[in-house]
Amino acid sequence: EHSTEQIYNEIVYPLVEGVTEGYNGTIFAYGQTGSGKSFTMQGVVEPSVQKGIIPRAFEHIFESMQCAENAKFLVRASYLEIYNEDVRDLLGADTKQKLE
């Protein structure tokens, strides 16, 4: 019953703050097929309260980078799907290809 905005602010925001300080962070969405994991992670553009966790995290990270002075950043992100013991890279060129 929570919006992705509430989920981000209460759960993910502190994790991303740690990432901006140099720590690694992982968000693990687990649940039955059709339970809303992909929607929660990706969301929709409008209304903005339903923007997903991933776009919110990217905005947060890149805004923090813009505010930092005399610092270099290396940003890496992965978005993996594990389904029936098959792993797929959802940011890769071929999202249907299984990973080793």
N, C-alpha and C. Protein backbone atom coordinates (compact mmCIF):
# COMPACT_ATOMS: atom_id res chain seq x y z
N GLU A 1 0.81 -1.20 0.00
CA GLU A 1 0.00 0.00 0.00
C GLU A 1 0.86 1.26 0.00
N HIS A 2 2.17 1.13 -0.17
CA HIS A 2 3.05 2.29 -0.18
C HIS A 2 3.39 2.68 -1.61
N SER A 3 3.61 3.97 -1.83
CA SER A 3 4.07 4.43 -3.14
C SER A 3 5.56 4.15 -3.25
N THR A 4 6.07 4.16 -4.48
CA THR A 4 7.51 3.96 -4.65
C THR A 4 8.28 5.12 -4.01
N GLU A 5 7.65 6.30 -3.95
CA GLU A 5 8.28 7.44 -3.29
C GLU A 5 8.49 7.16 -1.81
N GLN A 6 7.49 6.60 -1.15
CA GLN A 6 7.61 6.25 0.27
C GLN A 6 8.64 5.15 0.47
N ILE A 7 8.62 4.15 -0.38
CA ILE A 7 9.60 3.06 -0.27
C ILE A 7 11.01 3.60 -0.43
N TYR A 8 11.20 4.48 -1.42
CA TYR A 8 12.53 5.04 -1.65
C TYR A 8 12.98 5.84 -0.43
N ASN A 9 12.13 6.74 0.03
CA ASN A 9 12.51 7.61 1.14
C ASN A 9 12.81 6.85 2.43
N GLU A 10 12.04 5.82 2.71
CA GLU A 10 12.18 5.11 3.97
C GLU A 10 13.26 4.02 3.94
N ILE A 11 13.43 3.37 2.80
CA ILE A 11 14.31 2.21 2.75
C ILE A 11 15.55 2.44 1.90
N VAL A 12 15.37 2.96 0.70
CA VAL A 12 16.47 3.03 -0.25
C VAL A 12 17.35 4.26 -0.06
N TYR A 13 16.77 5.39 0.33
CA TYR A 13 17.53 6.62 0.48
C TYR A 13 18.79 6.43 1.34
N PRO A 14 18.68 5.82 2.54
CA PRO A 14 19.90 5.64 3.33
C PRO A 14 20.95 4.76 2.63
N LEU A 15 20.51 3.77 1.89
CA LEU A 15 21.44 2.91 1.15
C LEU A 15 22.19 3.72 0.09
N VAL A 16 21.46 4.53 -0.66
CA VAL A 16 22.08 5.33 -1.72
C VAL A 16 22.99 6.39 -1.11
N GLU A 17 22.64 6.93 0.03
CA GLU A 17 23.54 7.87 0.72
C GLU A 17 24.87 7.18 1.02
N GLY A 18 24.83 5.93 1.45
CA GLY A 18 26.06 5.16 1.67
C GLY A 18 26.84 4.97 0.39
N VAL A 19 26.14 4.74 -0.70
CA VAL A 19 26.80 4.58 -2.00
C VAL A 19 27.54 5.87 -2.37
N THR A 20 26.92 7.02 -2.12
CA THR A 20 27.56 8.29 -2.45
C THR A 20 28.79 8.55 -1.57
N GLU A 21 28.91 7.81 -0.48
CA GLU A 21 30.07 7.93 0.41
C GLU A 21 31.13 6.87 0.09
N GLY A 22 30.88 6.06 -0.95
CA GLY A 22 31.89 5.11 -1.39
C GLY A 22 31.62 3.65 -1.06
N TYR A 23 30.51 3.36 -0.45
CA TYR A 23 30.16 1.98 -0.13
C TYR A 23 29.40 1.34 -1.28
N ASN A 24 29.45 0.02 -1.38
CA ASN A 24 28.64 -0.70 -2.35
C ASN A 24 27.23 -0.84 -1.80
N GLY A 25 26.27 -0.92 -2.69
CA GLY A 25 24.89 -1.08 -2.25
C GLY A 25 24.15 -2.04 -3.17
N THR A 26 23.23 -2.79 -2.60
CA THR A 26 22.42 -3.73 -3.37
C THR A 26 20.97 -3.59 -2.94
N ILE A 27 20.10 -3.55 -3.92
CA ILE A 27 18.66 -3.60 -3.66
C ILE A 27 18.18 -4.91 -4.25
N PHE A 28 17.61 -5.76 -3.43
CA PHE A 28 17.19 -7.08 -3.85
C PHE A 28 15.67 -7.15 -3.76
N ALA A 29 15.02 -7.26 -4.90
CA ALA A 29 13.55 -7.36 -4.94
C ALA A 29 13.19 -8.82 -5.14
N TYR A 30 12.44 -9.38 -4.20
CA TYR A 30 12.12 -10.80 -4.22
C TYR A 30 10.62 -10.97 -4.06
N GLY A 31 10.06 -11.89 -4.82
CA GLY A 31 8.65 -12.17 -4.65
C GLY A 31 8.09 -12.97 -5.82
N GLN A 32 6.83 -13.32 -5.70
CA GLN A 32 6.15 -14.10 -6.73
C GLN A 32 6.06 -13.34 -8.04
N THR A 33 5.97 -14.08 -9.13
CA THR A 33 5.72 -13.48 -10.44
C THR A 33 4.42 -12.67 -10.36
N GLY A 34 4.48 -11.45 -10.88
CA GLY A 34 3.29 -10.60 -10.90
C GLY A 34 3.03 -9.83 -9.62
N SER A 35 3.98 -9.87 -8.67
CA SER A 35 3.74 -9.20 -7.39
C SER A 35 4.14 -7.73 -7.39
N GLY A 36 4.75 -7.24 -8.48
CA GLY A 36 5.06 -5.82 -8.57
C GLY A 36 6.52 -5.45 -8.43
N LYS A 37 7.42 -6.42 -8.46
CA LYS A 37 8.86 -6.13 -8.31
C LYS A 37 9.37 -5.22 -9.42
N SER A 38 9.09 -5.57 -10.66
CA SER A 38 9.57 -4.76 -11.79
C SER A 38 8.96 -3.37 -11.76
N PHE A 39 7.69 -3.27 -11.46
CA PHE A 39 7.04 -1.97 -11.38
C PHE A 39 7.69 -1.12 -10.29
N THR A 40 7.94 -1.71 -9.14
CA THR A 40 8.56 -0.97 -8.05
C THR A 40 9.96 -0.50 -8.44
N MET A 41 10.70 -1.33 -9.14
CA MET A 41 12.07 -0.96 -9.52
C MET A 41 12.08 0.03 -10.68
N GLN A 42 11.22 -0.13 -11.67
CA GLN A 42 11.22 0.73 -12.85
C GLN A 42 10.24 1.88 -12.74
N GLY A 43 9.03 1.58 -12.30
CA GLY A 43 7.99 2.58 -12.16
C GLY A 43 7.51 3.16 -13.47
N VAL A 44 6.84 4.29 -13.37
CA VAL A 44 6.35 5.04 -14.52
C VAL A 44 6.73 6.50 -14.33
N VAL A 45 6.79 7.24 -15.43
CA VAL A 45 7.20 8.64 -15.37
C VAL A 45 6.14 9.50 -14.67
N GLU A 46 4.89 9.29 -15.04
CA GLU A 46 3.79 10.06 -14.45
C GLU A 46 2.78 9.12 -13.83
N PRO A 47 2.26 9.37 -12.69
CA PRO A 47 2.58 10.45 -11.77
C PRO A 47 3.95 10.23 -11.14
N SER A 48 4.61 11.31 -10.78
CA SER A 48 5.99 11.23 -10.30
C SER A 48 6.13 10.43 -9.01
N VAL A 49 5.06 10.30 -8.22
CA VAL A 49 5.15 9.49 -6.99
C VAL A 49 5.33 8.01 -7.33
N GLN A 50 5.07 7.62 -8.60
CA GLN A 50 5.23 6.23 -9.00
C GLN A 50 6.49 6.00 -9.84
N LYS A 51 7.38 6.99 -9.84
CA LYS A 51 8.67 6.79 -10.48
C LYS A 51 9.38 5.69 -9.70
N GLY A 52 10.06 4.80 -10.39
CA GLY A 52 10.64 3.63 -9.75
C GLY A 52 11.88 3.90 -8.91
N ILE A 53 12.31 2.86 -8.22
CA ILE A 53 13.49 2.92 -7.35
C ILE A 53 14.74 3.23 -8.18
N ILE A 54 14.90 2.60 -9.34
CA ILE A 54 16.10 2.79 -10.15
C ILE A 54 16.23 4.24 -10.63
N PRO A 55 15.21 4.84 -11.26
CA PRO A 55 15.36 6.24 -11.66
C PRO A 55 15.62 7.17 -10.48
N ARG A 56 14.98 6.91 -9.35
CA ARG A 56 15.20 7.74 -8.16
C ARG A 56 16.64 7.62 -7.67
N ALA A 57 17.15 6.39 -7.67
CA ALA A 57 18.53 6.19 -7.21
C ALA A 57 19.52 6.86 -8.14
N PHE A 58 19.31 6.76 -9.46
CA PHE A 58 20.21 7.41 -10.41
C PHE A 58 20.19 8.92 -10.22
N GLU A 59 19.00 9.51 -10.07
CA GLU A 59 18.90 10.95 -9.84
C GLU A 59 19.67 11.34 -8.58
N HIS A 60 19.46 10.59 -7.52
CA HIS A 60 20.10 10.84 -6.24
C HIS A 60 21.63 10.80 -6.38
N ILE A 61 22.14 9.75 -7.02
CA ILE A 61 23.58 9.58 -7.18
C ILE A 61 24.17 10.71 -8.02
N PHE A 62 23.57 11.01 -9.15
CA PHE A 62 24.13 12.03 -10.04
C PHE A 62 23.98 13.44 -9.48
N GLU A 63 22.94 13.71 -8.70
CA GLU A 63 22.84 15.00 -8.02
C GLU A 63 23.94 15.14 -6.98
N SER A 64 24.21 14.07 -6.25
CA SER A 64 25.29 14.09 -5.26
C SER A 64 26.64 14.32 -5.92
N MET A 65 26.84 13.72 -7.09
CA MET A 65 28.10 13.89 -7.81
C MET A 65 28.28 15.34 -8.26
N GLN A 66 27.20 15.98 -8.68
CA GLN A 66 27.28 17.37 -9.14
C GLN A 66 27.65 18.31 -8.00
N CYS A 67 27.25 17.96 -6.80
CA CYS A 67 27.53 18.82 -5.64
C CYS A 67 28.94 18.62 -5.10
N ALA A 68 29.57 17.52 -5.42
CA ALA A 68 30.90 17.21 -4.89
C ALA A 68 31.96 18.01 -5.63
N GLU A 69 32.92 18.51 -4.89
CA GLU A 69 34.02 19.25 -5.49
C GLU A 69 35.31 18.45 -5.32
N ASN A 70 36.17 18.55 -6.32
CA ASN A 70 37.48 17.88 -6.28
C ASN A 70 37.37 16.38 -6.01
N ALA A 71 36.44 15.75 -6.67
CA ALA A 71 36.24 14.31 -6.50
C ALA A 71 36.03 13.66 -7.85
N LYS A 72 36.47 12.40 -7.96
CA LYS A 72 36.21 11.61 -9.16
C LYS A 72 35.28 10.47 -8.77
N PHE A 73 34.45 10.08 -9.71
CA PHE A 73 33.49 9.03 -9.44
C PHE A 73 33.54 7.98 -10.53
N LEU A 74 33.35 6.74 -10.14
CA LEU A 74 33.14 5.63 -11.06
C LEU A 74 31.79 5.03 -10.68
N VAL A 75 30.85 5.08 -11.60
CA VAL A 75 29.51 4.57 -11.32
C VAL A 75 29.29 3.31 -12.15
N ARG A 76 28.93 2.25 -11.46
CA ARG A 76 28.57 0.99 -12.13
C ARG A 76 27.21 0.55 -11.60
N ALA A 77 26.41 0.03 -12.50
CA ALA A 77 25.10 -0.46 -12.09
C ALA A 77 24.81 -1.74 -12.84
N SER A 78 24.13 -2.65 -12.19
CA SER A 78 23.66 -3.85 -12.86
C SER A 78 22.20 -4.07 -12.46
N TYR A 79 21.48 -4.68 -13.35
CA TYR A 79 20.06 -4.97 -13.13
C TYR A 79 19.85 -6.38 -13.63
N LEU A 80 19.85 -7.32 -12.70
CA LEU A 80 19.79 -8.74 -13.05
C LEU A 80 18.43 -9.32 -12.70
N GLU A 81 18.03 -10.29 -13.49
CA GLU A 81 16.83 -11.06 -13.21
C GLU A 81 17.24 -12.50 -12.99
N ILE A 82 16.78 -13.08 -11.91
CA ILE A 82 16.99 -14.51 -11.65
C ILE A 82 15.60 -15.14 -11.66
N TYR A 83 15.38 -16.01 -12.63
CA TYR A 83 14.07 -16.64 -12.79
C TYR A 83 14.28 -18.08 -13.20
N ASN A 84 13.71 -19.02 -12.44
CA ASN A 84 13.88 -20.45 -12.70
C ASN A 84 15.36 -20.82 -12.84
N GLU A 85 16.17 -20.25 -11.97
CA GLU A 85 17.61 -20.50 -11.93
C GLU A 85 18.37 -19.99 -13.15
N ASP A 86 17.73 -19.20 -14.00
CA ASP A 86 18.40 -18.56 -15.12
C ASP A 86 18.65 -17.10 -14.74
N VAL A 87 19.83 -16.61 -15.08
CA VAL A 87 20.21 -15.22 -14.78
C VAL A 87 20.30 -14.45 -16.09
N ARG A 88 19.67 -13.29 -16.11
CA ARG A 88 19.70 -12.43 -17.30
C ARG A 88 20.10 -11.02 -16.88
N ASP A 89 20.86 -10.36 -17.75
CA ASP A 89 21.26 -8.97 -17.54
C ASP A 89 20.22 -8.08 -18.21
N LEU A 90 19.41 -7.40 -17.42
CA LEU A 90 18.33 -6.58 -17.98
C LEU A 90 18.82 -5.25 -18.53
N LEU A 91 20.10 -4.92 -18.34
CA LEU A 91 20.67 -3.72 -18.95
C LEU A 91 21.51 -4.06 -20.17
N GLY A 92 21.68 -5.35 -20.46
CA GLY A 92 22.49 -5.79 -21.59
C GLY A 92 21.79 -5.59 -22.92
N ALA A 93 22.54 -5.78 -24.00
CA ALA A 93 22.00 -5.61 -25.35
C ALA A 93 20.91 -6.64 -25.64
N ASP A 94 21.09 -7.87 -25.16
CA ASP A 94 20.10 -8.94 -25.39
C ASP A 94 19.60 -9.43 -24.04
N THR A 95 18.46 -8.92 -23.62
CA THR A 95 17.94 -9.27 -22.28
C THR A 95 17.42 -10.70 -22.21
N LYS A 96 17.30 -11.37 -23.34
CA LYS A 96 16.84 -12.77 -23.36
C LYS A 96 18.01 -13.74 -23.16
N GLN A 97 19.23 -13.27 -23.37
CA GLN A 97 20.42 -14.15 -23.27
C GLN A 97 20.69 -14.47 -21.81
N LYS A 98 20.88 -15.76 -21.53
CA LYS A 98 21.20 -16.22 -20.19
C LYS A 98 22.69 -16.01 -19.91
N LEU A 99 22.99 -15.65 -18.67
CA LEU A 99 24.38 -15.49 -18.25
C LEU A 99 24.89 -16.80 -17.66
N GLU A 100 26.17 -16.99 -17.73
CA GLU A 100 26.81 -18.20 -17.15
C GLU A 100 26.70 -18.17 -15.64
